[in-house]
Amino acid sequence: MTITAEFGPDDIRMQVEKTGIKGRHLTFIDDFTAKELDNIFKTAAMLEPYWRSRTPLLEGKVLCTQFFQPSTRTRFSHETAMIRLGGHVITESNPMVSSSAAKGESLYDSLRVTSQYADVIVLRHPDETTVDTIEKLGSDSSPVISGGYGNITHPTQGLLDMYTAYRALGGDFKKMTVMIATPDLSRARSGQSFGLGLARMGAKLIYSGTRGLETPNTIRNKLKEMNADFKEFNNLTIGQHEQMIS
């Protein structure tokens, strides 16, 4: 997008307000409406000029990253984003060894305590029941952003993939047919998040995987609730893949 000399942080703040995401937990990408997703992508476009510099949008704010699973790209992406937006970062990269979780503290209590130090939390956890913990927390903690829960959700990765499609293909998702192909759809949390976001925006979806490793029912039910146009195939040949996307 074109940035004029008069463009500044206040313009971005006005656009951020349109997203409606302030104060909300982010568990699944379809927590957002199509309009909210569109505004998120417009906000991202406004922030692109700052990706190697800084802007004081989040000056004085603190992000805590808590990762109960190994991570390089996801953790660093969130941490550098916070720093470039003028905020600060505290991190716990091995909670089961060096935090109170090692002494048996529940995830619920850990997040409530962390909220006393941080304005927002990015959490990665191997257990899918983390979804229930976040729902139980409600407003008792700072907003918690999923950096990946279990095998079913990784919404910030899904947002990044969607923004790539938004930039590359013009943003009219209703005209898109997208194939999500992986040997194991049952554990493809990034791909499933991408799919949920695409479905929310009206894209047609084709899933391709291995028989016995199909899309989890949690994701299927969400797609059905959205009346998504999707089909899933198993054990396709290379030729069948090529025919579908040609």
C-alpha atoms as a PDB file:
ATOM      1  CA  MET A   1       0.000   0.000   0.000  1.00  0.00           C
ATOM      2  CA  THR A   2       1.038   3.628  -0.468  1.00  0.00           C
ATOM      3  CA  ILE A   3       2.356   5.347   2.661  1.00  0.00           C
ATOM      4  CA  THR A   4       2.356   9.158   2.576  1.00  0.00           C
ATOM      5  CA  ALA A   5       4.599  11.469   4.587  1.00  0.00           C
ATOM      6  CA  GLU A   6       1.670  12.202   6.912  1.00  0.00           C
ATOM      7  CA  PHE A   7       1.080   8.521   7.702  1.00  0.00           C
ATOM      8  CA  GLY A   8       1.748   7.583  11.339  1.00  0.00           C
ATOM      9  CA  PRO A   9       0.899   5.301  14.272  1.00  0.00           C
ATOM     10  CA  ASP A  10      -2.464   6.984  14.849  1.00  0.00           C
ATOM     11  CA  ASP A  11      -3.622   5.794  11.422  1.00  0.00           C
ATOM     12  CA  ILE A  12      -2.715   2.233  12.354  1.00  0.00           C
ATOM     13  CA  ARG A  13      -4.436   2.529  15.736  1.00  0.00           C
ATOM     14  CA  MET A  14      -7.662   3.522  14.004  1.00  0.00           C
ATOM     15  CA  GLN A  15      -7.369   0.496  11.725  1.00  0.00           C
ATOM     16  CA  VAL A  16      -6.592  -1.811  14.676  1.00  0.00           C
ATOM     17  CA  GLU A  17      -9.793  -0.661  16.385  1.00  0.00           C
ATOM     18  CA  LYS A  18     -11.740  -1.876  13.349  1.00  0.00           C
ATOM     19  CA  THR A  19     -10.481  -5.431  13.861  1.00  0.00           C
ATOM     20  CA  GLY A  20     -12.380  -5.807  17.135  1.00  0.00           C
ATOM     21  CA  ILE A  21      -9.662  -8.067  18.547  1.00  0.00           C
ATOM     22  CA  LYS A  22      -8.709  -6.013  21.604  1.00  0.00           C
ATOM     23  CA  GLY A  23      -8.968  -7.959  24.861  1.00  0.00           C
ATOM     24  CA  ARG A  24      -9.940 -11.260  23.202  1.00  0.00           C
ATOM     25  CA  HIS A  25      -8.342 -14.672  23.510  1.00  0.00           C
ATOM     26  CA  LEU A  26      -7.362 -16.241  20.177  1.00  0.00           C
ATOM     27  CA  THR A  27      -7.870 -20.003  20.165  1.00  0.00           C
ATOM     28  CA  PHE A  28      -9.225 -20.837  16.699  1.00  0.00           C
ATOM     29  CA  ILE A  29      -8.877 -18.694  13.601  1.00  0.00           C
ATOM     30  CA  ASP A  30     -12.626 -18.955  12.974  1.00  0.00           C
ATOM     31  CA  ASP A  31     -13.161 -17.037  16.224  1.00  0.00           C
ATOM     32  CA  PHE A  32     -12.957 -14.093  13.802  1.00  0.00           C
ATOM     33  CA  THR A  33     -15.680 -13.067  11.387  1.00  0.00           C
ATOM     34  CA  ALA A  34     -14.862 -12.536   7.715  1.00  0.00           C
ATOM     35  CA  LYS A  35     -15.001  -8.771   8.255  1.00  0.00           C
ATOM     36  CA  GLU A  36     -12.609  -8.973  11.204  1.00  0.00           C
ATOM     37  CA  LEU A  37     -10.167 -11.073   9.187  1.00  0.00           C
ATOM     38  CA  ASP A  38     -10.292  -8.590   6.326  1.00  0.00           C
ATOM     39  CA  ASN A  39      -9.511  -5.746   8.734  1.00  0.00           C
ATOM     40  CA  ILE A  40      -6.638  -7.742  10.230  1.00  0.00           C
ATOM     41  CA  PHE A  41      -5.092  -8.125   6.774  1.00  0.00           C
ATOM     42  CA  LYS A  42      -5.508  -4.410   6.082  1.00  0.00           C
ATOM     43  CA  THR A  43      -3.807  -3.670   9.404  1.00  0.00           C
ATOM     44  CA  ALA A  44      -0.956  -6.029   8.518  1.00  0.00           C
ATOM     45  CA  ALA A  45      -0.462  -4.183   5.229  1.00  0.00           C
ATOM     46  CA  MET A  46      -0.188  -0.896   7.133  1.00  0.00           C
ATOM     47  CA  LEU A  47       2.422  -2.418   9.450  1.00  0.00           C
ATOM     48  CA  GLU A  48       4.638  -3.850   6.701  1.00  0.00           C
ATOM     49  CA  PRO A  49       6.808  -0.712   6.373  1.00  0.00           C
ATOM     50  CA  TYR A  50       7.844  -1.206  10.008  1.00  0.00           C
ATOM     51  CA  TRP A  51       8.933  -4.836   9.767  1.00  0.00           C
ATOM     52  CA  ARG A  52      12.638  -3.941  10.052  1.00  0.00           C
ATOM     53  CA  SER A  53      12.222  -0.845  12.192  1.00  0.00           C
ATOM     54  CA  ARG A  54      10.015   0.178  15.101  1.00  0.00           C
ATOM     55  CA  THR A  55       6.795   2.002  15.870  1.00  0.00           C
ATOM     56  CA  PRO A  56       5.545   2.848  19.389  1.00  0.00           C
ATOM     57  CA  LEU A  57       2.113   1.251  18.991  1.00  0.00           C
ATOM     58  CA  LEU A  58       2.616  -1.016  22.016  1.00  0.00           C
ATOM     59  CA  GLU A  59       4.990   1.140  24.013  1.00  0.00           C
ATOM     60  CA  GLY A  60       4.901   0.165  27.694  1.00  0.00           C
ATOM     61  CA  LYS A  61       3.122  -3.154  27.028  1.00  0.00           C
ATOM     62  CA  VAL A  62       4.567  -6.547  27.982  1.00  0.00           C
ATOM     63  CA  LEU A  63       4.250  -9.845  26.103  1.00  0.00           C
ATOM     64  CA  CYS A  64       4.903 -13.165  27.831  1.00  0.00           C
ATOM     65  CA  THR A  65       5.658 -16.217  25.699  1.00  0.00           C
ATOM     66  CA  GLN A  66       5.054 -19.563  27.424  1.00  0.00           C
ATOM     67  CA  PHE A  67       6.030 -22.545  25.303  1.00  0.00           C
ATOM     68  CA  PHE A  68       5.390 -26.051  26.630  1.00  0.00           C
ATOM     69  CA  GLN A  69       6.635 -27.434  23.298  1.00  0.00           C
ATOM     70  CA  PRO A  70       9.827 -26.639  21.365  1.00  0.00           C
ATOM     71  CA  SER A  71       9.631 -23.692  18.990  1.00  0.00           C
ATOM     72  CA  THR A  72      11.942 -21.438  17.045  1.00  0.00           C
ATOM     73  CA  ARG A  73       9.976 -19.583  14.370  1.00  0.00           C
ATOM     74  CA  THR A  74       6.681 -19.160  16.222  1.00  0.00           C
ATOM     75  CA  ARG A  75       8.227 -17.913  19.453  1.00  0.00           C
ATOM     76  CA  PHE A  76      10.727 -15.620  17.752  1.00  0.00           C
ATOM     77  CA  SER A  77       8.037 -14.249  15.412  1.00  0.00           C
ATOM     78  CA  HIS A  78       5.822 -13.151  18.288  1.00  0.00           C
ATOM     79  CA  GLU A  79       8.709 -11.806  20.343  1.00  0.00           C
ATOM     80  CA  THR A  80      10.264  -9.761  17.552  1.00  0.00           C
ATOM     81  CA  ALA A  81       6.833  -8.429  16.562  1.00  0.00           C
ATOM     82  CA  MET A  82       6.283  -7.151  20.094  1.00  0.00           C
ATOM     83  CA  ILE A  83       9.717  -5.517  20.189  1.00  0.00           C
ATOM     84  CA  ARG A  84       9.208  -3.845  16.801  1.00  0.00           C
ATOM     85  CA  LEU A  85       5.881  -2.478  18.015  1.00  0.00           C
ATOM     86  CA  GLY A  86       7.649  -0.818  20.937  1.00  0.00           C
ATOM     87  CA  GLY A  87       6.766  -3.340  23.653  1.00  0.00           C
ATOM     88  CA  HIS A  88       8.783  -5.626  25.912  1.00  0.00           C
ATOM     89  CA  VAL A  89       9.061  -9.416  26.154  1.00  0.00           C
ATOM     90  CA  ILE A  90       9.393 -11.872  29.012  1.00  0.00           C
ATOM     91  CA  THR A  91       9.669 -15.532  28.110  1.00  0.00           C
ATOM     92  CA  GLU A  92       9.435 -19.024  29.524  1.00  0.00           C
ATOM     93  CA  SER A  93      10.711 -21.439  26.900  1.00  0.00           C
ATOM     94  CA  ASN A  94      10.781 -24.570  29.080  1.00  0.00           C
ATOM     95  CA  PRO A  95       7.992 -24.238  31.673  1.00  0.00           C
ATOM     96  CA  MET A  96       7.940 -27.908  32.673  1.00  0.00           C
ATOM     97  CA  VAL A  97      11.513 -27.561  33.929  1.00  0.00           C
ATOM     98  CA  SER A  98      11.992 -23.990  35.084  1.00  0.00           C
ATOM     99  CA  SER A  99       8.538 -22.642  36.026  1.00  0.00           C
ATOM    100  CA  SER A 100       6.049 -23.481  38.767  1.00  0.00           C
ATOM    101  CA  ALA A 101       4.479 -25.988  36.366  1.00  0.00           C
ATOM    102  CA  ALA A 102       7.400 -28.232  37.335  1.00  0.00           C
ATOM    103  CA  LYS A 103       6.009 -28.170  40.882  1.00  0.00           C
ATOM    104  CA  GLY A 104       2.516 -29.112  39.773  1.00  0.00           C
ATOM    105  CA  GLU A 105       0.916 -25.713  39.213  1.00  0.00           C
ATOM    106  CA  SER A 106      -2.062 -25.997  36.881  1.00  0.00           C
ATOM    107  CA  LEU A 107      -2.090 -24.234  33.534  1.00  0.00           C
ATOM    108  CA  TYR A 108      -5.123 -22.246  34.675  1.00  0.00           C
ATOM    109  CA  ASP A 109      -3.294 -20.895  37.723  1.00  0.00           C
ATOM    110  CA  SER A 110      -0.096 -20.325  35.768  1.00  0.00           C
ATOM    111  CA  LEU A 111      -1.876 -18.139  33.224  1.00  0.00           C
ATOM    112  CA  ARG A 112      -3.687 -16.161  35.915  1.00  0.00           C
ATOM    113  CA  VAL A 113      -0.382 -15.445  37.665  1.00  0.00           C
ATOM    114  CA  THR A 114       1.398 -14.585  34.413  1.00  0.00           C
ATOM    115  CA  SER A 115      -1.364 -12.069  33.697  1.00  0.00           C
ATOM    116  CA  GLN A 116      -0.123 -10.017  36.647  1.00  0.00           C
ATOM    117  CA  TYR A 117       3.123  -9.438  34.736  1.00  0.00           C
ATOM    118  CA  ALA A 118       2.032  -9.357  31.099  1.00  0.00           C
ATOM    119  CA  ASP A 119      -0.564  -7.549  29.013  1.00  0.00           C
ATOM    120  CA  VAL A 120      -0.793 -10.431  26.553  1.00  0.00           C
ATOM    121  CA  ILE A 121       0.357 -14.070  26.559  1.00  0.00           C
ATOM    122  CA  VAL A 122       1.343 -16.329  23.674  1.00  0.00           C
ATOM    123  CA  LEU A 123       0.967 -19.963  24.712  1.00  0.00           C
ATOM    124  CA  ARG A 124       2.006 -23.196  23.048  1.00  0.00           C
ATOM    125  CA  HIS A 125       0.835 -26.418  24.665  1.00  0.00           C
ATOM    126  CA  PRO A 126       0.695 -30.073  23.552  1.00  0.00           C
ATOM    127  CA  ASP A 127      -2.692 -30.767  25.160  1.00  0.00           C
ATOM    128  CA  GLU A 128      -5.875 -30.076  23.200  1.00  0.00           C
ATOM    129  CA  THR A 129      -7.767 -29.522  26.468  1.00  0.00           C
ATOM    130  CA  THR A 130      -5.917 -26.196  26.639  1.00  0.00           C
ATOM    131  CA  VAL A 131      -8.884 -24.953  24.598  1.00  0.00           C
ATOM    132  CA  ASP A 132     -11.154 -25.689  27.578  1.00  0.00           C
ATOM    133  CA  THR A 133      -8.738 -24.021  30.012  1.00  0.00           C
ATOM    134  CA  ILE A 134      -8.748 -20.801  27.996  1.00  0.00           C
ATOM    135  CA  GLU A 135     -12.536 -20.827  27.802  1.00  0.00           C
ATOM    136  CA  LYS A 136     -12.694 -21.282  31.584  1.00  0.00           C
ATOM    137  CA  LEU A 137     -10.279 -18.380  32.109  1.00  0.00           C
ATOM    138  CA  GLY A 138     -12.522 -15.905  30.366  1.00  0.00           C
ATOM    139  CA  SER A 139     -11.657 -12.408  31.523  1.00  0.00           C
ATOM    140  CA  ASP A 140      -9.670 -13.664  34.541  1.00  0.00           C
ATOM    141  CA  SER A 141      -6.429 -13.361  32.593  1.00  0.00           C
ATOM    142  CA  SER A 142      -4.746 -11.196  30.003  1.00  0.00           C
ATOM    143  CA  PRO A 143      -5.617 -12.176  26.420  1.00  0.00           C
ATOM    144  CA  VAL A 144      -4.054 -15.527  25.515  1.00  0.00           C
ATOM    145  CA  ILE A 145      -2.994 -16.113  21.912  1.00  0.00           C
ATOM    146  CA  SER A 146      -2.543 -19.702  20.801  1.00  0.00           C
ATOM    147  CA  GLY A 147       0.909 -20.481  19.470  1.00  0.00           C
ATOM    148  CA  GLY A 148      -0.347 -24.027  18.866  1.00  0.00           C
ATOM    149  CA  TYR A 149      -2.567 -26.275  21.017  1.00  0.00           C
ATOM    150  CA  GLY A 150      -2.423 -30.036  20.611  1.00  0.00           C
ATOM    151  CA  ASN A 151      -2.894 -31.189  17.031  1.00  0.00           C
ATOM    152  CA  ILE A 152      -5.882 -29.018  16.203  1.00  0.00           C
ATOM    153  CA  THR A 153      -5.140 -25.295  16.200  1.00  0.00           C
ATOM    154  CA  HIS A 154      -2.349 -22.859  15.337  1.00  0.00           C
ATOM    155  CA  PRO A 155      -4.250 -19.673  14.444  1.00  0.00           C
ATOM    156  CA  THR A 156      -1.365 -17.221  14.097  1.00  0.00           C
ATOM    157  CA  GLN A 157       0.308 -19.513  11.557  1.00  0.00           C
ATOM    158  CA  GLY A 158      -3.033 -19.763   9.789  1.00  0.00           C
ATOM    159  CA  LEU A 159      -3.309 -15.970   9.730  1.00  0.00           C
ATOM    160  CA  LEU A 160       0.163 -15.667   8.239  1.00  0.00           C
ATOM    161  CA  ASP A 161      -0.649 -18.202   5.516  1.00  0.00           C
ATOM    162  CA  MET A 162      -3.910 -16.408   4.770  1.00  0.00           C
ATOM    163  CA  TYR A 163      -2.177 -13.049   4.562  1.00  0.00           C
ATOM    164  CA  THR A 164       0.282 -14.547   2.072  1.00  0.00           C
ATOM    165  CA  ALA A 165      -2.659 -15.655  -0.083  1.00  0.00           C
ATOM    166  CA  TYR A 166      -4.326 -12.264   0.437  1.00  0.00           C
ATOM    167  CA  ARG A 167      -1.271 -10.443  -0.903  1.00  0.00           C
ATOM    168  CA  ALA A 168      -0.411 -12.861  -3.685  1.00  0.00           C
ATOM    169  CA  LEU A 169      -3.889 -13.560  -5.057  1.00  0.00           C
ATOM    170  CA  GLY A 170      -5.703 -10.288  -4.494  1.00  0.00           C
ATOM    171  CA  GLY A 171      -7.748 -11.056  -1.409  1.00  0.00           C
ATOM    172  CA  ASP A 172     -10.931 -12.339  -3.086  1.00  0.00           C
ATOM    173  CA  PHE A 173     -11.077 -15.627  -1.207  1.00  0.00           C
ATOM    174  CA  LYS A 174     -14.510 -16.534  -2.565  1.00  0.00           C
ATOM    175  CA  LYS A 175     -12.909 -17.124  -5.967  1.00  0.00           C
ATOM    176  CA  MET A 176     -10.216 -19.411  -4.543  1.00  0.00           C
ATOM    177  CA  THR A 177     -10.083 -23.194  -4.500  1.00  0.00           C
ATOM    178  CA  VAL A 178      -7.319 -24.320  -2.153  1.00  0.00           C
ATOM    179  CA  MET A 179      -5.946 -27.815  -1.641  1.00  0.00           C
ATOM    180  CA  ILE A 180      -4.504 -28.622   1.781  1.00  0.00           C
ATOM    181  CA  ALA A 181      -2.341 -31.695   1.279  1.00  0.00           C
ATOM    182  CA  THR A 182      -0.313 -33.513   3.928  1.00  0.00           C
ATOM    183  CA  PRO A 183       0.348 -37.162   4.799  1.00  0.00           C
ATOM    184  CA  ASP A 184      -1.235 -36.626   8.239  1.00  0.00           C
ATOM    185  CA  LEU A 185      -4.298 -34.380   8.414  1.00  0.00           C
ATOM    186  CA  SER A 186      -4.969 -35.556  11.973  1.00  0.00           C
ATOM    187  CA  ARG A 187      -1.950 -33.614  13.269  1.00  0.00           C
ATOM    188  CA  ALA A 188      -1.744 -30.762  10.755  1.00  0.00           C
ATOM    189  CA  ARG A 189      -2.688 -27.937  13.126  1.00  0.00           C
ATOM    190  CA  SER A 190      -1.189 -25.253  10.867  1.00  0.00           C
ATOM    191  CA  GLY A 191      -2.947 -26.560   7.775  1.00  0.00           C
ATOM    192  CA  GLN A 192      -6.217 -26.998   9.623  1.00  0.00           C
ATOM    193  CA  SER A 193      -6.047 -23.412  10.902  1.00  0.00           C
ATOM    194  CA  PHE A 194      -5.345 -22.196   7.368  1.00  0.00           C
ATOM    195  CA  GLY A 195      -8.363 -24.164   6.176  1.00  0.00           C
ATOM    196  CA  LEU A 196     -10.695 -22.783   8.839  1.00  0.00           C
ATOM    197  CA  GLY A 197      -9.671 -19.241   7.967  1.00  0.00           C
ATOM    198  CA  LEU A 198     -10.144 -19.832   4.249  1.00  0.00           C
ATOM    199  CA  ALA A 199     -13.560 -21.339   4.909  1.00  0.00           C
ATOM    200  CA  ARG A 200     -14.553 -18.317   6.990  1.00  0.00           C
ATOM    201  CA  MET A 201     -13.683 -16.120   3.989  1.00  0.00           C
ATOM    202  CA  GLY A 202     -15.687 -18.275   1.579  1.00  0.00           C
ATOM    203  CA  ALA A 203     -12.969 -20.245  -0.212  1.00  0.00           C
ATOM    204  CA  LYS A 204     -13.557 -23.764  -1.535  1.00  0.00           C
ATOM    205  CA  LEU A 205     -11.386 -26.391   0.183  1.00  0.00           C
ATOM    206  CA  ILE A 206      -9.967 -29.731  -0.894  1.00  0.00           C
ATOM    207  CA  TYR A 207      -8.246 -31.818   1.777  1.00  0.00           C
ATOM    208  CA  SER A 208      -5.847 -34.567   0.756  1.00  0.00           C
ATOM    209  CA  GLY A 209      -4.267 -36.979   3.205  1.00  0.00           C
ATOM    210  CA  THR A 210      -3.766 -40.588   4.209  1.00  0.00           C
ATOM    211  CA  ARG A 211      -6.563 -42.989   5.099  1.00  0.00           C
ATOM    212  CA  GLY A 212      -6.726 -43.399   8.866  1.00  0.00           C
ATOM    213  CA  LEU A 213      -5.154 -39.972   9.470  1.00  0.00           C
ATOM    214  CA  GLU A 214      -8.119 -37.813   8.541  1.00  0.00           C
ATOM    215  CA  THR A 215      -9.141 -34.327   9.673  1.00  0.00           C
ATOM    216  CA  PRO A 216     -10.179 -34.323  13.373  1.00  0.00           C
ATOM    217  CA  ASN A 217     -13.900 -34.140  14.145  1.00  0.00           C
ATOM    218  CA  THR A 218     -13.382 -30.846  15.995  1.00  0.00           C
ATOM    219  CA  ILE A 219     -12.304 -29.239  12.717  1.00  0.00           C
ATOM    220  CA  ARG A 220     -14.908 -31.035  10.610  1.00  0.00           C
ATOM    221  CA  ASN A 221     -17.680 -29.820  12.890  1.00  0.00           C
ATOM    222  CA  LYS A 222     -16.427 -26.245  12.642  1.00  0.00           C
ATOM    223  CA  LEU A 223     -16.387 -26.451   8.853  1.00  0.00           C
ATOM    224  CA  LYS A 224     -19.942 -27.800   8.842  1.00  0.00           C
ATOM    225  CA  GLU A 225     -21.118 -25.045  11.202  1.00  0.00           C
ATOM    226  CA  MET A 226     -19.791 -22.503   8.687  1.00  0.00           C
ATOM    227  CA  ASN A 227     -21.492 -24.342   5.806  1.00  0.00           C
ATOM    228  CA  ALA A 228     -18.046 -24.560   4.236  1.00  0.00           C
ATOM    229  CA  ASP A 229     -17.580 -25.979   0.752  1.00  0.00           C
ATOM    230  CA  PHE A 230     -15.053 -28.738   1.464  1.00  0.00           C
ATOM    231  CA  LYS A 231     -14.197 -32.282   0.451  1.00  0.00           C
ATOM    232  CA  GLU A 232     -11.590 -34.676   1.778  1.00  0.00           C
ATOM    233  CA  PHE A 233      -9.782 -37.354  -0.213  1.00  0.00           C
ATOM    234  CA  ASN A 234      -7.378 -40.054   0.895  1.00  0.00           C
ATOM    235  CA  ASN A 235      -4.452 -41.793  -0.766  1.00  0.00           C
ATOM    236  CA  LEU A 236      -4.579 -39.803  -3.997  1.00  0.00           C
ATOM    237  CA  THR A 237      -1.956 -40.418  -6.658  1.00  0.00           C
ATOM    238  CA  ILE A 238       0.265 -37.627  -7.976  1.00  0.00           C
ATOM    239  CA  GLY A 239      -1.780 -37.625 -11.161  1.00  0.00           C
ATOM    240  CA  GLN A 240      -5.035 -37.218  -9.239  1.00  0.00           C
ATOM    241  CA  HIS A 241      -3.568 -34.280  -7.316  1.00  0.00           C
ATOM    242  CA  GLU A 242      -2.472 -32.600 -10.536  1.00  0.00           C
ATOM    243  CA  GLN A 243      -5.879 -33.128 -12.120  1.00  0.00           C
ATOM    244  CA  MET A 244      -7.659 -31.499  -9.171  1.00  0.00           C
ATOM    245  CA  ILE A 245      -5.559 -28.341  -9.138  1.00  0.00           C
ATOM    246  CA  SER A 246      -5.122 -27.888 -12.895  1.00  0.00           C
END
